[in-house]
C-alpha atoms as a PDB file:
ATOM      1  CA  UNK A   1     -65.447 -25.702 152.146  1.00  0.00           C
ATOM      2  CA  UNK A   2     -62.648 -24.954 149.621  1.00  0.00           C
ATOM      3  CA  UNK A   3     -59.514 -26.972 150.046  1.00  0.00           C
ATOM      4  CA  UNK A   4     -56.219 -25.143 149.826  1.00  0.00           C
ATOM      5  CA  UNK A   5     -54.288 -28.317 149.106  1.00  0.00           C
ATOM      6  CA  UNK A   6     -55.887 -28.771 145.627  1.00  0.00           C
ATOM      7  CA  UNK A   7     -54.033 -25.881 143.913  1.00  0.00           C
ATOM      8  CA  UNK A   8     -50.816 -26.865 145.612  1.00  0.00           C
ATOM      9  CA  UNK A   9     -51.232 -30.442 144.429  1.00  0.00           C
ATOM     10  CA  UNK A  10     -51.844 -29.345 140.834  1.00  0.00           C
ATOM     11  CA  UNK A  11     -48.757 -27.094 140.902  1.00  0.00           C
ATOM     12  CA  UNK A  12     -46.644 -29.933 142.222  1.00  0.00           C
ATOM     13  CA  UNK A  13     -47.951 -32.239 139.486  1.00  0.00           C
ATOM     14  CA  UNK A  14     -47.194 -29.723 136.698  1.00  0.00           C
ATOM     15  CA  UNK A  15     -43.718 -29.170 138.100  1.00  0.00           C
ATOM     16  CA  UNK A  16     -42.975 -32.906 138.082  1.00  0.00           C
ATOM     17  CA  UNK A  17     -44.227 -33.234 134.478  1.00  0.00           C
ATOM     18  CA  UNK A  18     -42.066 -30.344 133.302  1.00  0.00           C
ATOM     19  CA  UNK A  19     -39.018 -31.762 135.089  1.00  0.00           C
ATOM     20  CA  UNK A  20     -39.652 -35.174 133.540  1.00  0.00           C
ATOM     21  CA  UNK A  21     -39.881 -33.617 130.052  1.00  0.00           C
ATOM     22  CA  UNK A  22     -36.658 -31.736 130.575  1.00  0.00           C
ATOM     23  CA  UNK A  23     -34.931 -34.950 131.611  1.00  0.00           C
ATOM     24  CA  UNK A  24     -36.258 -36.881 128.609  1.00  0.00           C
ATOM     25  CA  UNK A  25     -35.551 -34.219 125.958  1.00  0.00           C
ATOM     26  CA  UNK A  26     -31.760 -34.857 125.773  1.00  0.00           C
ATOM     27  CA  UNK A  27     -32.413 -38.575 125.403  1.00  0.00           C
ATOM     28  CA  UNK A  28     -34.922 -37.927 122.614  1.00  0.00           C
ATOM     29  CA  UNK A  29     -32.529 -35.577 120.847  1.00  0.00           C
ATOM     30  CA  UNK A  30     -29.668 -38.052 121.095  1.00  0.00           C
ATOM     31  CA  UNK A  31     -31.882 -40.892 119.889  1.00  0.00           C
ATOM     32  CA  UNK A  32     -31.972 -39.682 116.232  1.00  0.00           C
ATOM     33  CA  UNK A  33     -29.335 -40.741 113.712  1.00  0.00           C
ATOM     34  CA  UNK A  34     -27.558 -38.067 111.686  1.00  0.00           C
ATOM     35  CA  UNK A  35     -26.242 -37.769 108.147  1.00  0.00           C
ATOM     36  CA  UNK A  36     -24.039 -34.735 107.641  1.00  0.00           C
ATOM     37  CA  UNK A  37     -21.608 -33.222 105.160  1.00  0.00           C
ATOM     38  CA  UNK A  38     -18.314 -32.239 106.766  1.00  0.00           C
ATOM     39  CA  UNK A  39     -16.904 -29.759 107.111  1.00  0.00           C
ATOM     40  CA  UNK A  40     -20.163 -27.926 107.691  1.00  0.00           C
ATOM     41  CA  UNK A  41     -18.641 -24.672 106.455  1.00  0.00           C
ATOM     42  CA  UNK A  42     -15.376 -23.546 104.913  1.00  0.00           C
ATOM     43  CA  UNK A  43     -13.866 -20.711 102.895  1.00  0.00           C
ATOM     44  CA  UNK A  44     -11.830 -21.627  99.838  1.00  0.00           C
ATOM     45  CA  UNK A  45     -10.377 -19.929  96.783  1.00  0.00           C
ATOM     46  CA  UNK A  46     -11.270 -20.234  93.132  1.00  0.00           C
ATOM     47  CA  UNK A  47     -10.009 -23.164  91.088  1.00  0.00           C
ATOM     48  CA  UNK A  48      -9.262 -25.308  94.148  1.00  0.00           C
ATOM     49  CA  UNK A  49      -9.746 -29.070  94.432  1.00  0.00           C
ATOM     50  CA  UNK A  50     -11.641 -30.018  97.603  1.00  0.00           C
ATOM     51  CA  UNK A  51     -12.527 -33.324  99.234  1.00  0.00           C
ATOM     52  CA  UNK A  52     -15.572 -33.420 101.511  1.00  0.00           C
ATOM     53  CA  UNK A  53     -17.129 -36.288 103.446  1.00  0.00           C
ATOM     54  CA  UNK A  54     -20.630 -37.554 104.138  1.00  0.00           C
ATOM     55  CA  UNK A  55     -20.555 -38.643 107.752  1.00  0.00           C
ATOM     56  CA  UNK A  56     -23.130 -41.030 109.270  1.00  0.00           C
ATOM     57  CA  UNK A  57     -23.787 -41.372 112.987  1.00  0.00           C
ATOM     58  CA  UNK A  58     -26.446 -44.041 113.648  1.00  0.00           C
ATOM     59  CA  UNK A  59     -28.365 -44.423 116.903  1.00  0.00           C
ATOM     60  CA  UNK A  60     -29.442 -47.955 115.991  1.00  0.00           C
ATOM     61  CA  UNK A  61     -27.908 -50.653 113.731  1.00  0.00           C
ATOM     62  CA  UNK A  62     -28.311 -49.730 110.046  1.00  0.00           C
ATOM     63  CA  UNK A  63     -27.675 -51.593 106.818  1.00  0.00           C
ATOM     64  CA  UNK A  64     -28.423 -49.153 103.962  1.00  0.00           C
ATOM     65  CA  UNK A  65     -28.383 -45.492 103.043  1.00  0.00           C
ATOM     66  CA  UNK A  66     -29.370 -43.506  99.990  1.00  0.00           C
ATOM     67  CA  UNK A  67     -29.545 -39.774  99.209  1.00  0.00           C
ATOM     68  CA  UNK A  68     -29.178 -37.110  96.494  1.00  0.00           C
ATOM     69  CA  UNK A  69     -27.011 -33.993  96.362  1.00  0.00           C
ATOM     70  CA  UNK A  70     -27.867 -30.523  95.119  1.00  0.00           C
ATOM     71  CA  UNK A  71     -25.411 -27.672  94.516  1.00  0.00           C
ATOM     72  CA  UNK A  72     -24.811 -24.473  92.562  1.00  0.00           C
ATOM     73  CA  UNK A  73     -23.131 -25.555  89.324  1.00  0.00           C
ATOM     74  CA  UNK A  74     -21.891 -22.000  88.664  1.00  0.00           C
ATOM     75  CA  UNK A  75     -19.715 -22.143  91.787  1.00  0.00           C
ATOM     76  CA  UNK A  76     -18.536 -25.758  92.042  1.00  0.00           C
ATOM     77  CA  UNK A  77     -18.135 -28.826  89.860  1.00  0.00           C
ATOM     78  CA  UNK A  78     -18.467 -32.285  91.409  1.00  0.00           C
ATOM     79  CA  UNK A  79     -15.904 -34.596  89.849  1.00  0.00           C
ATOM     80  CA  UNK A  80     -16.598 -37.919  91.577  1.00  0.00           C
ATOM     81  CA  UNK A  81     -18.166 -39.710  94.535  1.00  0.00           C
ATOM     82  CA  UNK A  82     -15.964 -42.334  96.220  1.00  0.00           C
ATOM     83  CA  UNK A  83     -17.028 -45.044  98.666  1.00  0.00           C
ATOM     84  CA  UNK A  84     -16.099 -44.603 102.319  1.00  0.00           C
ATOM     85  CA  UNK A  85     -15.528 -47.137 105.071  1.00  0.00           C
ATOM     86  CA  UNK A  86     -18.878 -46.834 106.887  1.00  0.00           C
ATOM     87  CA  UNK A  87     -20.384 -50.106 105.582  1.00  0.00           C
ATOM     88  CA  UNK A  88     -17.035 -51.613 104.527  1.00  0.00           C
ATOM     89  CA  UNK A  89     -16.073 -51.943 108.193  1.00  0.00           C
ATOM     90  CA  UNK A  90     -18.831 -54.540 108.646  1.00  0.00           C
ATOM     91  CA  UNK A  91     -16.663 -57.118 106.912  1.00  0.00           C
ATOM     92  CA  UNK A  92     -19.551 -58.138 104.643  1.00  0.00           C
ATOM     93  CA  UNK A  93     -20.039 -57.601 100.965  1.00  0.00           C
ATOM     94  CA  UNK A  94     -21.253 -54.101 100.143  1.00  0.00           C
ATOM     95  CA  UNK A  95     -22.972 -52.751  97.071  1.00  0.00           C
ATOM     96  CA  UNK A  96     -22.116 -49.096  96.393  1.00  0.00           C
ATOM     97  CA  UNK A  97     -23.431 -46.782  93.690  1.00  0.00           C
ATOM     98  CA  UNK A  98     -21.693 -43.377  93.274  1.00  0.00           C
ATOM     99  CA  UNK A  99     -24.770 -41.808  91.717  1.00  0.00           C
ATOM    100  CA  UNK A 100     -25.366 -39.916  88.491  1.00  0.00           C
ATOM    101  CA  UNK A 101     -23.750 -36.473  88.191  1.00  0.00           C
ATOM    102  CA  UNK A 102     -25.799 -33.933  86.236  1.00  0.00           C
ATOM    103  CA  UNK A 103     -23.638 -30.842  85.780  1.00  0.00           C
ATOM    104  CA  UNK A 104     -26.382 -28.966  83.914  1.00  0.00           C
ATOM    105  CA  UNK A 105     -28.865 -29.298  86.776  1.00  0.00           C
ATOM    106  CA  UNK A 106     -26.319 -29.220  89.581  1.00  0.00           C
ATOM    107  CA  UNK A 107     -27.385 -32.554  91.084  1.00  0.00           C
ATOM    108  CA  UNK A 108     -26.040 -36.006  91.911  1.00  0.00           C
ATOM    109  CA  UNK A 109     -28.882 -38.519  92.119  1.00  0.00           C
ATOM    110  CA  UNK A 110     -29.211 -42.096  93.424  1.00  0.00           C
ATOM    111  CA  UNK A 111     -26.182 -42.286  95.674  1.00  0.00           C
ATOM    112  CA  UNK A 112     -26.684 -45.442  97.732  1.00  0.00           C
ATOM    113  CA  UNK A 113     -24.948 -48.305  99.492  1.00  0.00           C
ATOM    114  CA  UNK A 114     -26.152 -51.400 101.356  1.00  0.00           C
ATOM    115  CA  UNK A 115     -24.788 -54.476 103.100  1.00  0.00           C
ATOM    116  CA  UNK A 116     -25.709 -57.555 101.099  1.00  0.00           C
ATOM    117  CA  UNK A 117     -25.353 -60.391 103.650  1.00  0.00           C
ATOM    118  CA  UNK A 118     -27.718 -58.985 106.289  1.00  0.00           C
ATOM    119  CA  UNK A 119     -25.132 -57.539 108.675  1.00  0.00           C
ATOM    120  CA  UNK A 120     -25.508 -54.092 110.244  1.00  0.00           C
ATOM    121  CA  UNK A 121     -23.317 -51.204 111.358  1.00  0.00           C
ATOM    122  CA  UNK A 122     -23.686 -49.308 114.630  1.00  0.00           C
ATOM    123  CA  UNK A 123     -20.500 -47.251 114.683  1.00  0.00           C
ATOM    124  CA  UNK A 124     -20.265 -43.885 113.007  1.00  0.00           C
ATOM    125  CA  UNK A 125     -18.079 -43.445 109.978  1.00  0.00           C
ATOM    126  CA  UNK A 126     -17.541 -41.920 106.527  1.00  0.00           C
ATOM    127  CA  UNK A 127     -20.176 -43.098 104.049  1.00  0.00           C
ATOM    128  CA  UNK A 128     -18.494 -41.489 101.006  1.00  0.00           C
ATOM    129  CA  UNK A 129     -16.158 -38.716  99.898  1.00  0.00           C
ATOM    130  CA  UNK A 130     -17.068 -35.935  97.454  1.00  0.00           C
ATOM    131  CA  UNK A 131     -14.329 -34.666  95.203  1.00  0.00           C
ATOM    132  CA  UNK A 132     -15.112 -31.256  93.732  1.00  0.00           C
ATOM    133  CA  UNK A 133     -13.480 -28.196  92.154  1.00  0.00           C
ATOM    134  CA  UNK A 134     -14.450 -24.594  92.731  1.00  0.00           C
ATOM    135  CA  UNK A 135     -15.196 -22.435  89.720  1.00  0.00           C
ATOM    136  CA  UNK A 136     -13.778 -18.943  89.059  1.00  0.00           C
ATOM    137  CA  UNK A 137     -16.810 -17.249  90.580  1.00  0.00           C
ATOM    138  CA  UNK A 138     -17.270 -15.821  94.036  1.00  0.00           C
ATOM    139  CA  UNK A 139     -20.028 -16.420  96.564  1.00  0.00           C
ATOM    140  CA  UNK A 140     -21.517 -18.966  99.001  1.00  0.00           C
ATOM    141  CA  UNK A 141     -22.472 -22.399  97.678  1.00  0.00           C
ATOM    142  CA  UNK A 142     -24.765 -24.695  99.641  1.00  0.00           C
ATOM    143  CA  UNK A 143     -24.153 -28.421  99.240  1.00  0.00           C
ATOM    144  CA  UNK A 144     -27.501 -30.003 100.225  1.00  0.00           C
ATOM    145  CA  UNK A 145     -28.558 -33.536 101.148  1.00  0.00           C
ATOM    146  CA  UNK A 146     -31.986 -34.461  99.753  1.00  0.00           C
ATOM    147  CA  UNK A 147     -34.150 -37.599  99.668  1.00  0.00           C
ATOM    148  CA  UNK A 148     -32.203 -39.149 102.540  1.00  0.00           C
ATOM    149  CA  UNK A 149     -33.308 -42.658 103.523  1.00  0.00           C
ATOM    150  CA  UNK A 150     -31.459 -44.582 106.228  1.00  0.00           C
ATOM    151  CA  UNK A 151     -32.594 -48.209 106.679  1.00  0.00           C
ATOM    152  CA  UNK A 152     -32.060 -51.130 109.007  1.00  0.00           C
ATOM    153  CA  UNK A 153     -31.481 -54.820 108.161  1.00  0.00           C
ATOM    154  CA  UNK A 154     -35.214 -55.389 107.675  1.00  0.00           C
ATOM    155  CA  UNK A 155     -35.559 -52.557 105.172  1.00  0.00           C
ATOM    156  CA  UNK A 156     -37.342 -50.298 107.661  1.00  0.00           C
ATOM    157  CA  UNK A 157     -36.543 -46.601 107.537  1.00  0.00           C
ATOM    158  CA  UNK A 158     -34.557 -45.208 110.450  1.00  0.00           C
ATOM    159  CA  UNK A 159     -35.330 -41.545 111.295  1.00  0.00           C
ATOM    160  CA  UNK A 160     -32.324 -39.311 110.737  1.00  0.00           C
ATOM    161  CA  UNK A 161     -31.519 -35.625 110.775  1.00  0.00           C
ATOM    162  CA  UNK A 162     -29.393 -34.109 108.029  1.00  0.00           C
ATOM    163  CA  UNK A 163     -26.823 -31.341 108.081  1.00  0.00           C
ATOM    164  CA  UNK A 164     -25.806 -29.544 104.882  1.00  0.00           C
ATOM    165  CA  UNK A 165     -22.601 -27.657 104.162  1.00  0.00           C
ATOM    166  CA  UNK A 166     -21.769 -24.112 103.065  1.00  0.00           C
ATOM    167  CA  UNK A 167     -18.749 -23.505 100.824  1.00  0.00           C
ATOM    168  CA  UNK A 168     -17.741 -19.854 100.641  1.00  0.00           C
ATOM    169  CA  UNK A 169     -15.674 -19.137  97.535  1.00  0.00           C
ATOM    170  CA  UNK A 170     -13.533 -16.049  97.909  1.00  0.00           C
ATOM    171  CA  UNK A 171     -10.735 -14.385  95.978  1.00  0.00           C
ATOM    172  CA  UNK A 172      -7.593 -16.310  96.850  1.00  0.00           C
ATOM    173  CA  UNK A 173      -4.005 -15.102  97.150  1.00  0.00           C
ATOM    174  CA  UNK A 174      -3.058 -16.295  93.659  1.00  0.00           C
ATOM    175  CA  UNK A 175      -5.931 -14.313  92.135  1.00  0.00           C
ATOM    176  CA  UNK A 176      -4.870 -11.217  94.056  1.00  0.00           C
ATOM    177  CA  UNK A 177      -1.235 -11.626  92.997  1.00  0.00           C
ATOM    178  CA  UNK A 178      -2.273 -12.281  89.397  1.00  0.00           C
ATOM    179  CA  UNK A 179      -4.473  -9.169  89.370  1.00  0.00           C
ATOM    180  CA  UNK A 180      -1.667  -7.110  90.930  1.00  0.00           C
ATOM    181  CA  UNK A 181       0.795  -8.428  88.350  1.00  0.00           C
ATOM    182  CA  UNK A 182      -1.632  -7.638  85.553  1.00  0.00           C
ATOM    183  CA  UNK A 183      -2.057  -4.102  86.883  1.00  0.00           C
ATOM    184  CA  UNK A 184       1.701  -3.675  87.202  1.00  0.00           C
ATOM    185  CA  UNK A 185       2.259  -5.031  83.710  1.00  0.00           C
ATOM    186  CA  UNK A 186      -0.401  -2.670  82.412  1.00  0.00           C
ATOM    187  CA  UNK A 187       1.280   0.252  84.169  1.00  0.00           C
ATOM    188  CA  UNK A 188       4.683  -0.802  82.861  1.00  0.00           C
ATOM    189  CA  UNK A 189       3.297  -1.122  79.361  1.00  0.00           C
ATOM    190  CA  UNK A 190       1.742   2.320  79.564  1.00  0.00           C
ATOM    191  CA  UNK A 191       4.837   4.066  80.930  1.00  0.00           C
ATOM    192  CA  UNK A 192       7.246   2.984  78.157  1.00  0.00           C
ATOM    193  CA  UNK A 193       4.612   3.872  75.586  1.00  0.00           C
ATOM    194  CA  UNK A 194       4.378   7.397  77.008  1.00  0.00           C
ATOM    195  CA  UNK A 195       8.160   7.686  77.244  1.00  0.00           C
ATOM    196  CA  UNK A 196       8.570   6.478  73.704  1.00  0.00           C
ATOM    197  CA  UNK A 197       5.945   8.920  72.515  1.00  0.00           C
ATOM    198  CA  UNK A 198       7.654  11.736  74.402  1.00  0.00           C
ATOM    199  CA  UNK A 199      11.077  10.778  73.052  1.00  0.00           C
ATOM    200  CA  UNK A 200       9.654  10.544  69.538  1.00  0.00           C
ATOM    201  CA  UNK A 201       8.073  13.973  69.867  1.00  0.00           C
ATOM    202  CA  UNK A 202      11.330  15.391  71.237  1.00  0.00           C
ATOM    203  CA  UNK A 203      13.322  13.768  68.439  1.00  0.00           C
ATOM    204  CA  UNK A 204      10.913  15.159  65.852  1.00  0.00           C
ATOM    205  CA  UNK A 205      11.139  18.605  67.452  1.00  0.00           C
ATOM    206  CA  UNK A 206      14.939  18.471  67.531  1.00  0.00           C
ATOM    207  CA  UNK A 207      15.024  17.249  63.945  1.00  0.00           C
ATOM    208  CA  UNK A 208      12.700  20.095  62.930  1.00  0.00           C
ATOM    209  CA  UNK A 209      14.945  22.630  64.696  1.00  0.00           C
ATOM    210  CA  UNK A 210      18.010  21.101  63.067  1.00  0.00           C
ATOM    211  CA  UNK A 211      16.350  21.208  59.654  1.00  0.00           C
ATOM    212  CA  UNK A 212      15.388  24.857  60.201  1.00  0.00           C
ATOM    213  CA  UNK A 213      18.952  25.703  61.206  1.00  0.00           C
ATOM    214  CA  UNK A 214      20.344  23.913  58.171  1.00  0.00           C
ATOM    215  CA  UNK A 215      17.893  25.778  55.952  1.00  0.00           C
ATOM    216  CA  UNK A 216      18.943  29.023  57.622  1.00  0.00           C
ATOM    217  CA  UNK A 217      22.646  28.267  57.110  1.00  0.00           C
ATOM    218  CA  UNK A 218      21.996  27.247  53.536  1.00  0.00           C
ATOM    219  CA  UNK A 219      20.109  30.498  52.932  1.00  0.00           C
ATOM    220  CA  UNK A 220      22.958  32.461  54.523  1.00  0.00           C
ATOM    221  CA  UNK A 221      25.560  30.724  52.384  1.00  0.00           C
ATOM    222  CA  UNK A 222      23.478  31.222  49.245  1.00  0.00           C
ATOM    223  CA  UNK A 223      23.007  34.869  50.150  1.00  0.00           C
ATOM    224  CA  UNK A 224      26.754  35.279  50.775  1.00  0.00           C
ATOM    225  CA  UNK A 225      27.666  33.602  47.529  1.00  0.00           C
ATOM    226  CA  UNK A 226      25.125  35.671  45.633  1.00  0.00           C
ATOM    227  CA  UNK A 227      26.338  38.854  47.329  1.00  0.00           C
ATOM    228  CA  UNK A 228      29.941  38.046  46.471  1.00  0.00           C
ATOM    229  CA  UNK A 229      29.047  37.431  42.883  1.00  0.00           C
ATOM    230  CA  UNK A 230      27.056  40.618  42.720  1.00  0.00           C
ATOM    231  CA  UNK A 231      29.880  42.529  44.379  1.00  0.00           C
ATOM    232  CA  UNK A 232      32.373  41.086  41.938  1.00  0.00           C
ATOM    233  CA  UNK A 233      30.163  41.961  39.039  1.00  0.00           C
ATOM    234  CA  UNK A 234      29.533  45.398  40.465  1.00  0.00           C
ATOM    235  CA  UNK A 235      33.184  46.006  41.241  1.00  0.00           C
ATOM    236  CA  UNK A 236      34.577  44.922  37.843  1.00  0.00           C
ATOM    237  CA  UNK A 237      33.141  47.863  35.824  1.00  0.00           C
ATOM    238  CA  UNK A 238      34.494  50.249  38.402  1.00  0.00           C
ATOM    239  CA  UNK A 239      37.980  48.853  38.000  1.00  0.00           C
ATOM    240  CA  UNK A 240      37.601  48.936  34.207  1.00  0.00           C
ATOM    241  CA  UNK A 241      36.269  52.514  34.285  1.00  0.00           C
ATOM    242  CA  UNK A 242      39.094  53.598  36.562  1.00  0.00           C
ATOM    243  CA  UNK A 243      41.725  52.125  34.183  1.00  0.00           C
ATOM    244  CA  UNK A 244      40.160  53.820  31.159  1.00  0.00           C
ATOM    245  CA  UNK A 245      40.051  57.167  32.946  1.00  0.00           C
ATOM    246  CA  UNK A 246      43.763  56.973  33.816  1.00  0.00           C
ATOM    247  CA  UNK A 247      44.806  56.210  30.238  1.00  0.00           C
ATOM    248  CA  UNK A 248      42.694  59.105  29.023  1.00  0.00           C
ATOM    249  CA  UNK A 249      44.457  61.527  31.396  1.00  0.00           C
ATOM    250  CA  UNK A 250      47.865  60.250  30.310  1.00  0.00           C
ATOM    251  CA  UNK A 251      47.053  60.638  26.620  1.00  0.00           C
ATOM    252  CA  UNK A 252      45.684  64.146  27.085  1.00  0.00           C
ATOM    253  CA  UNK A 253      48.760  65.087  29.154  1.00  0.00           C
ATOM    254  CA  UNK A 254      51.087  63.769  26.462  1.00  0.00           C
ATOM    255  CA  UNK A 255      49.208  65.630  23.725  1.00  0.00           C
ATOM    256  CA  UNK A 256      49.288  68.794  25.777  1.00  0.00           C
ATOM    257  CA  UNK A 257      53.005  68.326  26.434  1.00  0.00           C
ATOM    258  CA  UNK A 258      53.770  67.863  22.734  1.00  0.00           C
ATOM    259  CA  UNK A 259      51.568  70.823  21.851  1.00  0.00           C
ATOM    260  CA  UNK A 260      53.368  73.092  24.306  1.00  0.00           C
ATOM    261  CA  UNK A 261      56.773  71.828  23.105  1.00  0.00           C
ATOM    262  CA  UNK A 262      55.784  72.437  19.497  1.00  0.00           C
ATOM    263  CA  UNK A 263      54.528  75.902  20.273  1.00  0.00           C
ATOM    264  CA  UNK A 264      57.702  76.814  22.128  1.00  0.00           C
ATOM    265  CA  UNK A 265      59.814  75.415  19.360  1.00  0.00           C
ATOM    266  CA  UNK A 266      58.108  77.597  16.812  1.00  0.00           C
ATOM    267  CA  UNK A 267      59.038  80.693  18.746  1.00  0.00           C
END
């Protein structure tokens, strides 16, 4: 005889297991420590100085932390790594190493800090600050945490999740204004050049017209002077010929008069 209660019992068991897992998952998720770069994302302009933080949130007492950084060296330049107050708040002596910055590779290696006297820290805080400058290139730059090791007072590794950061470098207002000013200056430089060229061409044209007019006036004056001279030369013989002709008539008239008087006197 098949029992109907067996399937029902199995279903009830599976349901309880699933409910138990759902209840335990938040506790498991909250049980891991975290090392994160804050802010997790931001948009900045070119040539800007930025300060970012490496934030640690432990779920159990810790005494040491080490990690490396990787970044795109064509977009940002890391200037320095400064110690934060995460381990300093313990009141014990702390050894801090800012790491080795390799600008060619775009890495900062061997960043670490530890409490020397065996104390621990349970409160979250800022492990270090990252001072960087954005380059004059555009695009997203990922600042990554690598080789992260979080340890307790006994030197045992504490599991931790890491959160990287994205820096979006965009054209800022100063770049836009500078480009606009450059364009305006270019336009202003072009316009006077065209005006000057136009004025020069107009001046040359006016000068050419003026020169042509002066040549024309000079030709007219030369022609007038030449004509007057020619006229004077042409008119002088006429006046001389006219005077000679009059004297000839007078002489002939006088001779004729004396001839007639002589003839009449003879009669």
